[in-house]
Amino acid sequence: MKPTSIRICVLLAGLLMSTGLFAQTFTVYDTSNSALPANIIYKIASDANGDMWIASVNNGLFRFNGTTCSVYNSTNSVIPADFVYAVNIDQTGEKWIGTLA
């Protein structure tokens, strides 16, 4: 790379950083700082009510309504296994769940 190209790249990077494009901060939500019952999730789907449906490893399916989290697993629902790797919601609002059972 030529010295002119390097100066342009450094100038461009400095400009982007000063505009805040690289200055974003992110919050990590896990079991220690949220209502999530598990730290490993595979898929998140949102329904028409705005509820988030979260597929998790070994903890079943969660529904988060913005305040509380409900857990659906093999002991309290018809889900055959607690390893849920997929959740999709179709146009009619029907939930499609993929498990390892």
Protein backbone atom coordinates (compact mmCIF):
# COMPACT_ATOMS: atom_id res chain seq x y z
CA MET A 1 0.00 0.00 0.00
CA LYS A 2 1.32 3.43 -0.89
CA PRO A 3 1.88 6.05 1.86
CA THR A 4 -0.91 8.19 0.37
CA SER A 5 -3.35 5.27 0.62
CA ILE A 6 -2.37 4.67 4.24
CA ARG A 7 -2.94 8.35 5.11
CA ILE A 8 -6.37 8.26 3.47
CA CYS A 9 -7.31 5.08 5.37
CA VAL A 10 -6.15 6.56 8.69
CA LEU A 11 -8.01 9.80 7.96
CA LEU A 12 -11.17 7.89 7.04
CA ALA A 13 -10.95 5.73 10.17
CA GLY A 14 -10.46 8.82 12.33
CA LEU A 15 -13.43 10.50 10.70
CA LEU A 16 -15.68 7.49 11.25
CA MET A 17 -14.60 7.16 14.87
CA SER A 18 -15.20 10.85 15.55
CA THR A 19 -18.73 10.68 14.11
CA GLY A 20 -19.68 7.98 16.58
CA LEU A 21 -20.10 5.16 14.10
CA PHE A 22 -17.53 3.08 16.00
CA ALA A 23 -18.32 4.59 19.40
CA GLN A 24 -21.47 2.54 20.00
CA THR A 25 -21.83 0.68 23.26
CA PHE A 26 -23.68 -2.57 23.68
CA THR A 27 -25.27 -4.20 26.71
CA VAL A 28 -24.96 -7.94 27.14
CA TYR A 29 -28.01 -9.53 28.73
CA ASP A 30 -27.61 -12.88 30.46
CA THR A 31 -28.92 -14.75 33.49
CA SER A 32 -27.05 -12.44 35.88
CA ASN A 33 -28.64 -9.16 34.75
CA SER A 34 -31.97 -10.05 33.13
CA ALA A 35 -35.00 -12.31 33.31
CA LEU A 36 -33.43 -14.77 30.86
CA PRO A 37 -33.36 -18.28 32.34
CA ALA A 38 -30.46 -19.40 30.07
CA ASN A 39 -27.33 -17.89 28.55
CA ILE A 40 -27.21 -19.94 25.33
CA ILE A 41 -29.97 -19.27 22.83
CA TYR A 42 -30.44 -20.43 19.26
CA LYS A 43 -33.27 -18.36 17.82
CA ILE A 44 -35.52 -15.43 18.73
CA ALA A 45 -38.88 -14.74 17.11
CA SER A 46 -41.34 -11.93 17.80
CA ASP A 47 -45.11 -12.39 17.66
CA ALA A 48 -47.85 -9.88 16.80
CA ASN A 49 -48.12 -8.83 20.47
CA GLY A 50 -44.42 -7.97 20.61
CA ASP A 51 -43.60 -10.96 22.81
CA MET A 52 -40.18 -12.46 22.19
CA TRP A 53 -40.02 -16.26 21.87
CA ILE A 54 -36.53 -17.55 22.66
CA ALA A 55 -35.23 -21.04 21.81
CA SER A 56 -32.56 -22.20 24.26
CA VAL A 57 -30.12 -25.02 24.86
CA ASN A 58 -31.31 -27.43 27.57
CA ASN A 59 -33.77 -24.95 29.10
CA GLY A 60 -36.74 -25.11 26.72
CA LEU A 61 -38.60 -22.21 25.15
CA PHE A 62 -39.06 -18.80 26.77
CA ARG A 63 -41.65 -16.12 26.17
CA PHE A 64 -40.53 -12.65 27.23
CA ASN A 65 -43.26 -9.98 27.25
CA GLY A 66 -41.00 -7.07 28.14
CA THR A 67 -41.38 -7.59 31.88
CA THR A 68 -41.53 -11.27 32.76
CA CYS A 69 -40.21 -14.45 31.25
CA SER A 70 -42.31 -17.64 31.02
CA VAL A 71 -40.54 -20.97 30.56
CA TYR A 72 -42.02 -23.82 28.50
CA ASN A 73 -40.15 -27.13 28.69
CA SER A 74 -40.65 -30.89 28.68
CA THR A 75 -41.98 -30.93 32.26
CA ASN A 76 -44.65 -28.22 31.98
CA SER A 77 -45.75 -28.25 28.32
CA VAL A 78 -46.08 -30.43 25.22
CA ILE A 79 -42.51 -29.62 24.11
CA PRO A 80 -40.86 -33.07 23.88
CA ALA A 81 -37.31 -31.95 24.73
CA ASP A 82 -35.60 -29.07 26.51
CA PHE A 83 -33.07 -28.52 23.70
CA VAL A 84 -34.98 -26.09 21.46
CA TYR A 85 -33.02 -25.00 18.40
CA ALA A 86 -35.74 -23.27 16.37
CA VAL A 87 -38.84 -21.13 16.86
CA ASN A 88 -40.79 -19.53 14.03
CA ILE A 89 -44.14 -17.79 13.97
CA ASP A 90 -46.24 -17.98 10.82
CA GLN A 91 -48.73 -15.45 9.41
CA THR A 92 -51.58 -16.86 11.52
CA GLY A 93 -49.56 -16.56 14.75
CA GLU A 94 -48.92 -20.30 15.03
CA LYS A 95 -45.60 -21.11 16.69
CA TRP A 96 -43.38 -23.75 15.10
CA ILE A 97 -40.84 -25.25 17.49
CA GLY A 98 -37.82 -27.42 16.60
CA THR A 99 -36.33 -29.69 19.25
CA LEU A 100 -33.88 -32.60 19.36
CA ALA A 101 -36.60 -35.10 20.26
